[in-house]
PDB file of N, CA and C in Angstrom:
ATOM      1  N   UNK A   1      85.271 108.147 102.803  1.00  0.00           N
ATOM      2  CA  UNK A   1      86.090 107.060 102.310  1.00  0.00           C
ATOM      3  C   UNK A   1      87.319 106.905 103.210  1.00  0.00           C
ATOM      4  N   UNK A   2      87.607 105.704 103.591  1.00  0.00           N
ATOM      5  CA  UNK A   2      88.747 105.405 104.459  1.00  0.00           C
ATOM      6  C   UNK A   2      89.927 104.989 103.592  1.00  0.00           C
ATOM      7  N   UNK A   3      91.080 105.697 103.732  1.00  0.00           N
ATOM      8  CA  UNK A   3      92.254 105.306 102.926  1.00  0.00           C
ATOM      9  C   UNK A   3      92.787 103.943 103.364  1.00  0.00           C
ATOM     10  N   UNK A   4      93.216 103.162 102.402  1.00  0.00           N
ATOM     11  CA  UNK A   4      93.764 101.835 102.680  1.00  0.00           C
ATOM     12  C   UNK A   4      95.279 101.902 102.518  1.00  0.00           C
ATOM     13  N   UNK A   5      95.989 101.477 103.550  1.00  0.00           N
ATOM     14  CA  UNK A   5      97.450 101.430 103.470  1.00  0.00           C
ATOM     15  C   UNK A   5      97.853 100.245 102.615  1.00  0.00           C
ATOM     16  N   UNK A   6      98.698 100.499 101.652  1.00  0.00           N
ATOM     17  CA  UNK A   6      99.207  99.408 100.834  1.00  0.00           C
ATOM     18  C   UNK A   6     100.469  98.861 101.480  1.00  0.00           C
ATOM     19  N   UNK A   7     100.404  97.614 101.856  1.00  0.00           N
ATOM     20  CA  UNK A   7     101.539  96.954 102.484  1.00  0.00           C
ATOM     21  C   UNK A   7     102.251  96.146 101.408  1.00  0.00           C
ATOM     22  N   UNK A   8     103.544  96.411 101.231  1.00  0.00           N
ATOM     23  CA  UNK A   8     104.304  95.646 100.250  1.00  0.00           C
ATOM     24  C   UNK A   8     104.739  94.330 100.871  1.00  0.00           C
ATOM     25  N   UNK A   9     105.055  93.382 100.019  1.00  0.00           N
ATOM     26  CA  UNK A   9     105.509  92.091 100.542  1.00  0.00           C
ATOM     27  C   UNK A   9     106.830  92.243 101.291  1.00  0.00           C
ATOM     28  N   UNK A  10     107.696  93.168 100.857  1.00  0.00           N
ATOM     29  CA  UNK A  10     108.963  93.405 101.562  1.00  0.00           C
ATOM     30  C   UNK A  10     108.717  93.925 102.977  1.00  0.00           C
ATOM     31  N   UNK A  11     107.827  94.904 103.109  1.00  0.00           N
ATOM     32  CA  UNK A  11     107.578  95.456 104.449  1.00  0.00           C
ATOM     33  C   UNK A  11     106.849  94.442 105.330  1.00  0.00           C
ATOM     34  N   UNK A  12     105.971  93.640 104.754  1.00  0.00           N
ATOM     35  CA  UNK A  12     105.293  92.601 105.535  1.00  0.00           C
ATOM     36  C   UNK A  12     106.302  91.566 106.036  1.00  0.00           C
ATOM     37  N   UNK A  13     107.238  91.193 105.178  1.00  0.00           N
ATOM     38  CA  UNK A  13     108.280  90.237 105.572  1.00  0.00           C
ATOM     39  C   UNK A  13     109.144  90.803 106.696  1.00  0.00           C
ATOM     40  N   UNK A  14     109.588  92.065 106.550  1.00  0.00           N
ATOM     41  CA  UNK A  14     110.409  92.693 107.590  1.00  0.00           C
ATOM     42  C   UNK A  14     109.652  92.790 108.908  1.00  0.00           C
ATOM     43  N   UNK A  15     108.379  93.145 108.837  1.00  0.00           N
ATOM     44  CA  UNK A  15     107.562  93.250 110.050  1.00  0.00           C
ATOM     45  C   UNK A  15     107.441  91.892 110.729  1.00  0.00           C
ATOM     46  N   UNK A  16     107.141  90.862 109.961  1.00  0.00           N
ATOM     47  CA  UNK A  16     107.007  89.510 110.500  1.00  0.00           C
ATOM     48  C   UNK A  16     108.308  89.028 111.136  1.00  0.00           C
ATOM     49  N   UNK A  17     109.439  89.222 110.437  1.00  0.00           N
ATOM     50  CA  UNK A  17     110.715  88.708 110.922  1.00  0.00           C
ATOM     51  C   UNK A  17     111.366  89.596 111.983  1.00  0.00           C
ATOM     52  N   UNK A  18     110.815  90.780 112.213  1.00  0.00           N
ATOM     53  CA  UNK A  18     111.329  91.644 113.288  1.00  0.00           C
ATOM     54  C   UNK A  18     110.829  91.197 114.658  1.00  0.00           C
ATOM     55  N   UNK A  19     109.858  90.314 114.671  1.00  0.00           N
ATOM     56  CA  UNK A  19     109.352  89.751 115.913  1.00  0.00           C
ATOM     57  C   UNK A  19     110.248  88.563 116.293  1.00  0.00           C
ATOM     58  N   UNK A  20     110.787  88.571 117.507  1.00  0.00           N
ATOM     59  CA  UNK A  20     111.724  87.529 117.944  1.00  0.00           C
ATOM     60  C   UNK A  20     111.160  86.116 117.801  1.00  0.00           C
ATOM     61  N   UNK A  21     109.929  85.911 118.242  1.00  0.00           N
ATOM     62  CA  UNK A  21     109.321  84.580 118.193  1.00  0.00           C
ATOM     63  C   UNK A  21     109.119  84.144 116.738  1.00  0.00           C
ATOM     64  N   UNK A  22     108.639  85.050 115.900  1.00  0.00           N
ATOM     65  CA  UNK A  22     108.429  84.721 114.483  1.00  0.00           C
ATOM     66  C   UNK A  22     109.743  84.385 113.796  1.00  0.00           C
ATOM     67  N   UNK A  23     110.787  85.192 114.059  1.00  0.00           N
ATOM     68  CA  UNK A  23     112.089  84.953 113.427  1.00  0.00           C
ATOM     69  C   UNK A  23     112.645  83.597 113.842  1.00  0.00           C
ATOM     70  N   UNK A  24     112.626  83.314 115.139  1.00  0.00           N
ATOM     71  CA  UNK A  24     113.154  82.038 115.638  1.00  0.00           C
ATOM     72  C   UNK A  24     112.366  80.861 115.056  1.00  0.00           C
ATOM     73  N   UNK A  25     111.051  80.968 115.027  1.00  0.00           N
ATOM     74  CA  UNK A  25     110.221  79.895 114.470  1.00  0.00           C
ATOM     75  C   UNK A  25     110.505  79.686 112.991  1.00  0.00           C
ATOM     76  N   UNK A  26     110.633  80.776 112.231  1.00  0.00           N
ATOM     77  CA  UNK A  26     110.901  80.688 110.797  1.00  0.00           C
ATOM     78  C   UNK A  26     112.247  80.018 110.520  1.00  0.00           C
ATOM     79  N   UNK A  27     113.304  80.478 111.189  1.00  0.00           N
ATOM     80  CA  UNK A  27     114.647  79.912 110.962  1.00  0.00           C
ATOM     81  C   UNK A  27     114.684  78.452 111.410  1.00  0.00           C
ATOM     82  N   UNK A  28     114.105  78.148 112.554  1.00  0.00           N
ATOM     83  CA  UNK A  28     114.079  76.752 113.015  1.00  0.00           C
ATOM     84  C   UNK A  28     113.357  75.852 112.020  1.00  0.00           C
ATOM     85  N   UNK A  29     112.259  76.324 111.450  1.00  0.00           N
ATOM     86  CA  UNK A  29     111.492  75.512 110.501  1.00  0.00           C
ATOM     87  C   UNK A  29     112.215  75.357 109.166  1.00  0.00           C
ATOM     88  N   UNK A  30     112.710  76.456 108.623  1.00  0.00           N
ATOM     89  CA  UNK A  30     113.281  76.440 107.271  1.00  0.00           C
ATOM     90  C   UNK A  30     114.715  75.924 107.242  1.00  0.00           C
ATOM     91  N   UNK A  31     115.540  76.393 108.159  1.00  0.00           N
ATOM     92  CA  UNK A  31     116.970  76.054 108.125  1.00  0.00           C
ATOM     93  C   UNK A  31     117.262  74.761 108.892  1.00  0.00           C
ATOM     94  N   UNK A  32     116.635  74.587 110.038  1.00  0.00           N
ATOM     95  CA  UNK A  32     116.967  73.463 110.919  1.00  0.00           C
ATOM     96  C   UNK A  32     115.896  72.374 110.945  1.00  0.00           C
ATOM     97  N   UNK A  33     115.028  72.359 109.944  1.00  0.00           N
ATOM     98  CA  UNK A  33     114.006  71.317 109.775  1.00  0.00           C
ATOM     99  C   UNK A  33     113.185  71.070 111.036  1.00  0.00           C
ATOM    100  N   UNK A  34     112.828  72.145 111.727  1.00  0.00           N
ATOM    101  CA  UNK A  34     111.967  72.050 112.900  1.00  0.00           C
ATOM    102  C   UNK A  34     112.681  71.878 114.222  1.00  0.00           C
ATOM    103  N   UNK A  35     113.979  71.589 114.195  1.00  0.00           N
ATOM    104  CA  UNK A  35     114.735  71.467 115.452  1.00  0.00           C
ATOM    105  C   UNK A  35     114.854  72.846 116.089  1.00  0.00           C
ATOM    106  N   UNK A  36     114.574  72.944 117.369  1.00  0.00           N
ATOM    107  CA  UNK A  36     114.530  74.228 118.068  1.00  0.00           C
ATOM    108  C   UNK A  36     115.931  74.672 118.514  1.00  0.00           C
ATOM    109  N   UNK A  37     116.724  75.173 117.563  1.00  0.00           N
ATOM    110  CA  UNK A  37     118.088  75.615 117.858  1.00  0.00           C
ATOM    111  C   UNK A  37     118.188  77.113 118.105  1.00  0.00           C
ATOM    112  N   UNK A  38     117.292  77.876 117.516  1.00  0.00           N
ATOM    113  CA  UNK A  38     117.261  79.327 117.711  1.00  0.00           C
ATOM    114  C   UNK A  38     116.207  79.628 118.768  1.00  0.00           C
ATOM    115  N   UNK A  39     116.590  80.424 119.779  1.00  0.00           N
ATOM    116  CA  UNK A  39     115.677  80.781 120.860  1.00  0.00           C
ATOM    117  C   UNK A  39     115.456  82.294 120.841  1.00  0.00           C
ATOM    118  N   UNK A  40     114.213  82.741 120.876  1.00  0.00           N
ATOM    119  CA  UNK A  40     113.903  84.168 120.767  1.00  0.00           C
ATOM    120  C   UNK A  40     114.670  85.054 121.754  1.00  0.00           C
ATOM    121  N   UNK A  41     114.903  84.557 122.949  1.00  0.00           N
ATOM    122  CA  UNK A  41     115.584  85.388 123.964  1.00  0.00           C
ATOM    123  C   UNK A  41     117.065  85.590 123.671  1.00  0.00           C
ATOM    124  N   UNK A  42     117.636  84.850 122.726  1.00  0.00           N
ATOM    125  CA  UNK A  42     119.063  84.974 122.388  1.00  0.00           C
ATOM    126  C   UNK A  42     119.327  85.816 121.148  1.00  0.00           C
ATOM    127  N   UNK A  43     118.298  86.407 120.553  1.00  0.00           N
ATOM    128  CA  UNK A  43     118.470  87.154 119.306  1.00  0.00           C
ATOM    129  C   UNK A  43     118.930  88.585 119.565  1.00  0.00           C
ATOM    130  N   UNK A  44     119.899  89.026 118.769  1.00  0.00           N
ATOM    131  CA  UNK A  44     120.384  90.406 118.807  1.00  0.00           C
ATOM    132  C   UNK A  44     120.332  90.922 117.370  1.00  0.00           C
ATOM    133  N   UNK A  45     119.544  91.977 117.141  1.00  0.00           N
ATOM    134  CA  UNK A  45     119.394  92.538 115.799  1.00  0.00           C
ATOM    135  C   UNK A  45     120.506  93.535 115.520  1.00  0.00           C
ATOM    136  N   UNK A  46     120.966  93.580 114.271  1.00  0.00           N
ATOM    137  CA  UNK A  46     122.056  94.453 113.856  1.00  0.00           C
ATOM    138  C   UNK A  46     121.641  95.334 112.705  1.00  0.00           C
ATOM    139  N   UNK A  47     122.327  96.470 112.592  1.00  0.00           N
ATOM    140  CA  UNK A  47     122.187  97.289 111.393  1.00  0.00           C
ATOM    141  C   UNK A  47     122.693  96.456 110.229  1.00  0.00           C
ATOM    142  N   UNK A  48     122.145  96.661 109.067  1.00  0.00           N
ATOM    143  CA  UNK A  48     122.458  95.730 107.998  1.00  0.00           C
ATOM    144  C   UNK A  48     122.948  96.370 106.711  1.00  0.00           C
ATOM    145  N   UNK A  49     123.540  97.532 106.781  1.00  0.00           N
ATOM    146  CA  UNK A  49     124.157  98.130 105.591  1.00  0.00           C
ATOM    147  C   UNK A  49     125.555  97.566 105.430  1.00  0.00           C
ATOM    148  N   UNK A  50     125.880  97.120 104.228  1.00  0.00           N
ATOM    149  CA  UNK A  50     127.183  96.545 103.945  1.00  0.00           C
ATOM    150  C   UNK A  50     127.747  97.205 102.692  1.00  0.00           C
ATOM    151  N   UNK A  51     129.013  97.535 102.722  1.00  0.00           N
ATOM    152  CA  UNK A  51     129.673  98.064 101.539  1.00  0.00           C
ATOM    153  C   UNK A  51     130.957  97.284 101.315  1.00  0.00           C
ATOM    154  N   UNK A  52     131.276  97.042 100.059  1.00  0.00           N
ATOM    155  CA  UNK A  52     132.514  96.354  99.729  1.00  0.00           C
ATOM    156  C   UNK A  52     132.981  96.782  98.351  1.00  0.00           C
ATOM    157  N   UNK A  53     134.246  96.544  98.058  1.00  0.00           N
ATOM    158  CA  UNK A  53     134.842  96.937  96.779  1.00  0.00           C
ATOM    159  C   UNK A  53     135.208  95.682  96.008  1.00  0.00           C
ATOM    160  N   UNK A  54     134.786  95.656  94.752  1.00  0.00           N
ATOM    161  CA  UNK A  54     135.171  94.572  93.848  1.00  0.00           C
ATOM    162  C   UNK A  54     136.273  95.114  92.955  1.00  0.00           C
ATOM    163  N   UNK A  55     137.412  94.459  92.976  1.00  0.00           N
ATOM    164  CA  UNK A  55     138.548  94.909  92.175  1.00  0.00           C
ATOM    165  C   UNK A  55     138.979  93.749  91.283  1.00  0.00           C
ATOM    166  N   UNK A  56     138.572  93.796  90.027  1.00  0.00           N
ATOM    167  CA  UNK A  56     139.040  92.787  89.082  1.00  0.00           C
ATOM    168  C   UNK A  56     139.862  93.468  87.997  1.00  0.00           C
ATOM    169  N   UNK A  57     140.322  92.716  87.042  1.00  0.00           N
ATOM    170  CA  UNK A  57     141.235  93.260  86.039  1.00  0.00           C
ATOM    171  C   UNK A  57     140.568  94.291  85.129  1.00  0.00           C
ATOM    172  N   UNK A  58     139.238  94.297  85.045  1.00  0.00           N
ATOM    173  CA  UNK A  58     138.543  95.203  84.132  1.00  0.00           C
ATOM    174  C   UNK A  58     138.087  96.501  84.773  1.00  0.00           C
ATOM    175  N   UNK A  59     137.778  96.462  86.058  1.00  0.00           N
ATOM    176  CA  UNK A  59     137.262  97.674  86.704  1.00  0.00           C
ATOM    177  C   UNK A  59     137.271  97.524  88.226  1.00  0.00           C
ATOM    178  N   UNK A  60     137.138  98.631  88.890  1.00  0.00           N
ATOM    179  CA  UNK A  60     136.954  98.651  90.344  1.00  0.00           C
ATOM    180  C   UNK A  60     135.542  99.166  90.578  1.00  0.00           C
ATOM    181  N   UNK A  61     134.795  98.449  91.383  1.00  0.00           N
ATOM    182  CA  UNK A  61     133.402  98.797  91.593  1.00  0.00           C
ATOM    183  C   UNK A  61     133.077  98.780  93.081  1.00  0.00           C
ATOM    184  N   UNK A  62     132.414  99.809  93.542  1.00  0.00           N
ATOM    185  CA  UNK A  62     131.971  99.911  94.930  1.00  0.00           C
ATOM    186  C   UNK A  62     130.519  99.437  94.991  1.00  0.00           C
ATOM    187  N   UNK A  63     130.244  98.420  95.784  1.00  0.00           N
ATOM    188  CA  UNK A  63     128.897  97.860  95.904  1.00  0.00           C
ATOM    189  C   UNK A  63     128.359  98.120  97.304  1.00  0.00           C
ATOM    190  N   UNK A  64     127.092  98.418  97.379  1.00  0.00           N
ATOM    191  CA  UNK A  64     126.418  98.559  98.666  1.00  0.00           C
ATOM    192  C   UNK A  64     125.249  97.586  98.672  1.00  0.00           C
ATOM    193  N   UNK A  65     125.099  96.882  99.769  1.00  0.00           N
ATOM    194  CA  UNK A  65     124.035  95.896  99.909  1.00  0.00           C
ATOM    195  C   UNK A  65     123.323  96.114 101.245  1.00  0.00           C
ATOM    196  N   UNK A  66     122.073  95.754 101.257  1.00  0.00           N
ATOM    197  CA  UNK A  66     121.274  95.858 102.484  1.00  0.00           C
ATOM    198  C   UNK A  66     120.419  94.613 102.600  1.00  0.00           C
ATOM    199  N   UNK A  67     120.464  93.965 103.722  1.00  0.00           N
ATOM    200  CA  UNK A  67     119.632  92.803 104.006  1.00  0.00           C
ATOM    201  C   UNK A  67     118.375  93.278 104.723  1.00  0.00           C
ATOM    202  N   UNK A  68     117.295  92.520 104.585  1.00  0.00           N
ATOM    203  CA  UNK A  68     116.068  92.879 105.289  1.00  0.00           C
ATOM    204  C   UNK A  68     116.241  92.707 106.799  1.00  0.00           C
ATOM    205  N   UNK A  69     116.831  91.607 107.199  1.00  0.00           N
ATOM    206  CA  UNK A  69     117.014  91.309 108.629  1.00  0.00           C
ATOM    207  C   UNK A  69     118.401  90.704 108.834  1.00  0.00           C
ATOM    208  N   UNK A  70     119.138  91.195 109.837  1.00  0.00           N
ATOM    209  CA  UNK A  70     120.419  90.608 110.238  1.00  0.00           C
ATOM    210  C   UNK A  70     120.379  90.414 111.749  1.00  0.00           C
ATOM    211  N   UNK A  71     120.595  89.162 112.172  1.00  0.00           N
ATOM    212  CA  UNK A  71     120.452  88.803 113.580  1.00  0.00           C
ATOM    213  C   UNK A  71     121.632  87.937 114.016  1.00  0.00           C
ATOM    214  N   UNK A  72     122.125  88.186 115.228  1.00  0.00           N
ATOM    215  CA  UNK A  72     123.129  87.305 115.828  1.00  0.00           C
ATOM    216  C   UNK A  72     122.413  86.414 116.822  1.00  0.00           C
ATOM    217  N   UNK A  73     122.800  85.127 116.821  1.00  0.00           N
ATOM    218  CA  UNK A  73     122.202  84.186 117.771  1.00  0.00           C
ATOM    219  C   UNK A  73     123.234  83.148 118.172  1.00  0.00           C
ATOM    220  N   UNK A  74     123.012  82.586 119.323  1.00  0.00           N
ATOM    221  CA  UNK A  74     123.845  81.502 119.844  1.00  0.00           C
ATOM    222  C   UNK A  74     123.195  80.178 119.434  1.00  0.00           C
ATOM    223  N   UNK A  75     123.936  79.358 118.702  1.00  0.00           N
ATOM    224  CA  UNK A  75     123.447  78.037 118.311  1.00  0.00           C
ATOM    225  C   UNK A  75     124.396  77.007 118.912  1.00  0.00           C
ATOM    226  N   UNK A  76     123.943  76.334 119.951  1.00  0.00           N
ATOM    227  CA  UNK A  76     124.761  75.344 120.665  1.00  0.00           C
ATOM    228  C   UNK A  76     126.119  75.906 121.090  1.00  0.00           C
ATOM    229  N   UNK A  77     126.117  77.135 121.606  1.00  0.00           N
ATOM    230  CA  UNK A  77     127.343  77.752 122.106  1.00  0.00           C
ATOM    231  C   UNK A  77     128.188  78.446 121.052  1.00  0.00           C
ATOM    232  N   UNK A  78     127.760  78.443 119.809  1.00  0.00           N
ATOM    233  CA  UNK A  78     128.498  79.101 118.727  1.00  0.00           C
ATOM    234  C   UNK A  78     127.670  80.277 118.234  1.00  0.00           C
ATOM    235  N   UNK A  79     128.277  81.475 118.211  1.00  0.00           N
ATOM    236  CA  UNK A  79     127.555  82.649 117.729  1.00  0.00           C
ATOM    237  C   UNK A  79     127.522  82.637 116.210  1.00  0.00           C
ATOM    238  N   UNK A  80     126.329  82.877 115.670  1.00  0.00           N
ATOM    239  CA  UNK A  80     126.124  82.877 114.223  1.00  0.00           C
ATOM    240  C   UNK A  80     125.412  84.161 113.822  1.00  0.00           C
ATOM    241  N   UNK A  81     125.734  84.648 112.630  1.00  0.00           N
ATOM    242  CA  UNK A  81     125.026  85.783 112.052  1.00  0.00           C
ATOM    243  C   UNK A  81     124.069  85.221 111.013  1.00  0.00           C
ATOM    244  N   UNK A  82     122.797  85.543 111.166  1.00  0.00           N
ATOM    245  CA  UNK A  82     121.765  85.062 110.256  1.00  0.00           C
ATOM    246  C   UNK A  82     121.205  86.251 109.490  1.00  0.00           C
ATOM    247  N   UNK A  83     121.229  86.184 108.181  1.00  0.00           N
ATOM    248  CA  UNK A  83     120.701  87.256 107.348  1.00  0.00           C
ATOM    249  C   UNK A  83     119.559  86.743 106.503  1.00  0.00           C
ATOM    250  N   UNK A  84     118.495  87.526 106.424  1.00  0.00           N
ATOM    251  CA  UNK A  84     117.343  87.159 105.610  1.00  0.00           C
ATOM    252  C   UNK A  84     117.098  88.280 104.612  1.00  0.00           C
ATOM    253  N   UNK A  85     116.953  87.922 103.365  1.00  0.00           N
ATOM    254  CA  UNK A  85     116.639  88.876 102.304  1.00  0.00           C
ATOM    255  C   UNK A  85     115.387  88.400 101.600  1.00  0.00           C
ATOM    256  N   UNK A  86     114.318  89.160 101.699  1.00  0.00           N
ATOM    257  CA  UNK A  86     113.085  88.839 100.984  1.00  0.00           C
ATOM    258  C   UNK A  86     113.218  89.400  99.570  1.00  0.00           C
ATOM    259  N   UNK A  87     112.956  88.582  98.591  1.00  0.00           N
ATOM    260  CA  UNK A  87     113.080  88.992  97.194  1.00  0.00           C
ATOM    261  C   UNK A  87     111.718  88.837  96.537  1.00  0.00           C
ATOM    262  N   UNK A  88     111.034  89.961  96.273  1.00  0.00           N
ATOM    263  CA  UNK A  88     109.718  89.885  95.649  1.00  0.00           C
ATOM    264  C   UNK A  88     109.803  89.761  94.141  1.00  0.00           C
ATOM    265  N   UNK A  89     110.961  90.135  93.586  1.00  0.00           N
ATOM    266  CA  UNK A  89     111.172  89.963  92.142  1.00  0.00           C
ATOM    267  C   UNK A  89     112.654  89.706  91.892  1.00  0.00           C
ATOM    268  N   UNK A  90     112.936  89.025  90.823  1.00  0.00           N
ATOM    269  CA  UNK A  90     114.312  88.700  90.464  1.00  0.00           C
ATOM    270  C   UNK A  90     114.953  89.925  89.843  1.00  0.00           C
ATOM    271  N   UNK A  91     116.141  90.296  90.351  1.00  0.00           N
ATOM    272  CA  UNK A  91     116.862  91.427  89.739  1.00  0.00           C
ATOM    273  C   UNK A  91     118.301  91.075  89.482  1.00  0.00           C
TER     274      UNK A  91
END
């Protein structure tokens, strides 16, 4: 019997979007309505752990967040940070 690897939708999304051409095509299609503004050769991937503190009148809370993909790209001479979070279920 051959074991079957179970691929989660989160890992499939990260794998797909970790490819420069796939990421650029996806962002151009979804965000820019097909206009080719993101170019694969201009993508720079970043670590994506983020921590911040929420301080309101009732409590102080430390939050940590992680995005699936965080990429810097040049769009018409302006550097932009693009973050993608795949959500397989509402939480």
